[in-house]
Amino acid sequence: MNKQVAITMRFDPNLYERIKTISRGKGRSITAFVQEAVARKITEEEADVLFDAFTLVGKESRDASVEYACDAQREVILKDG
């Protein structure tokens, strides 16, 4: 069994009741519900960070160009050849 860290969380009473209702309806604990929701949100946030990073690369194609590296490799190959 994985070790887990116990924490205290505070919820708006209405939100807590909604969580409790959904958890019970699915036969799951509130802890399992919150863990799943947090894991899903983390995955979403990580995907957003990657998307933003790749978007930045694509914005300035001149800055993202690797043509200079190809030119440098060509120069080395021709020099040694």
Protein backbone atom coordinates (compact mmCIF):
# COMPACT_ATOMS: atom_id res chain seq x y z
CA MET A 1 0.00 0.00 0.00
CA ASN A 2 1.26 3.47 -0.89
CA LYS A 3 2.00 5.83 1.94
CA GLN A 4 -0.28 8.82 1.96
CA VAL A 5 0.02 12.21 3.60
CA ALA A 6 -2.92 13.37 5.70
CA ILE A 7 -3.96 16.99 5.24
CA THR A 8 -6.80 19.19 6.42
CA MET A 9 -8.92 20.92 3.79
CA ARG A 10 -11.67 23.48 4.09
CA PHE A 11 -14.61 23.61 1.70
CA ASP A 12 -17.56 25.89 1.29
CA PRO A 13 -20.47 23.95 2.87
CA ASN A 14 -22.40 23.81 -0.41
CA LEU A 15 -19.39 22.47 -2.30
CA TYR A 16 -18.75 19.91 0.43
CA GLU A 17 -22.34 18.66 0.19
CA ARG A 18 -22.01 18.32 -3.58
CA ILE A 19 -18.76 16.37 -3.19
CA LYS A 20 -20.34 14.14 -0.56
CA THR A 21 -23.43 13.48 -2.69
CA ILE A 22 -21.43 12.58 -5.79
CA SER A 23 -18.97 10.44 -3.81
CA ARG A 24 -21.74 8.48 -2.12
CA GLY A 25 -23.56 8.06 -5.42
CA LYS A 26 -20.48 6.45 -6.90
CA GLY A 27 -19.75 4.39 -3.81
CA ARG A 28 -16.45 6.15 -3.23
CA SER A 29 -14.93 8.05 -0.36
CA ILE A 30 -14.61 11.80 -0.34
CA THR A 31 -10.84 11.30 -0.19
CA ALA A 32 -10.89 9.23 -3.39
CA PHE A 33 -13.06 11.85 -5.09
CA VAL A 34 -10.75 14.72 -4.13
CA GLN A 35 -7.61 12.75 -5.05
CA GLU A 36 -9.04 11.98 -8.49
CA ALA A 37 -10.11 15.60 -9.03
CA VAL A 38 -6.71 16.95 -7.98
CA ALA A 39 -4.85 14.41 -10.15
CA ARG A 40 -7.01 15.39 -13.14
CA LYS A 41 -6.35 19.09 -12.51
CA ILE A 42 -2.59 18.53 -12.22
CA THR A 43 -2.57 16.64 -15.53
CA GLU A 44 -4.52 19.50 -17.13
CA GLU A 45 -2.14 22.14 -15.75
CA GLU A 46 0.95 20.20 -16.89
CA ALA A 47 -0.54 19.86 -20.38
CA ASP A 48 -1.22 23.61 -20.44
CA VAL A 49 2.40 24.35 -19.50
CA LEU A 50 3.68 22.12 -22.33
CA PHE A 51 1.23 23.65 -24.80
CA ASP A 52 2.34 27.16 -23.83
CA ALA A 53 6.01 26.20 -24.17
CA PHE A 54 5.50 24.69 -27.62
CA THR A 55 3.40 27.68 -28.66
CA LEU A 56 6.27 30.00 -27.75
CA VAL A 57 8.65 27.94 -29.87
CA GLY A 58 6.32 28.21 -32.84
CA LYS A 59 5.68 31.97 -32.56
CA GLU A 60 9.08 33.08 -33.75
CA SER A 61 10.11 30.59 -36.38
CA ARG A 62 13.36 32.47 -36.90
CA ASP A 63 14.22 31.98 -33.22
CA ALA A 64 13.18 28.32 -33.39
CA SER A 65 15.14 27.63 -36.56
CA VAL A 66 17.79 24.93 -36.49
CA GLU A 67 19.12 25.93 -39.90
CA TYR A 68 22.22 27.46 -38.27
CA ALA A 69 23.05 24.04 -36.80
CA CYS A 70 22.67 22.38 -40.20
CA ASP A 71 24.98 25.00 -41.71
CA ALA A 72 27.56 24.43 -38.97
CA GLN A 73 27.44 20.65 -39.45
CA ARG A 74 27.76 21.06 -43.23
CA GLU A 75 30.79 23.28 -42.72
CA VAL A 76 32.49 20.72 -40.45
CA ILE A 77 31.76 17.83 -42.81
CA LEU A 78 33.07 19.70 -45.85
CA LYS A 79 36.17 20.82 -43.94
CA ASP A 80 37.03 17.23 -42.91
CA GLY A 81 36.15 15.77 -46.32
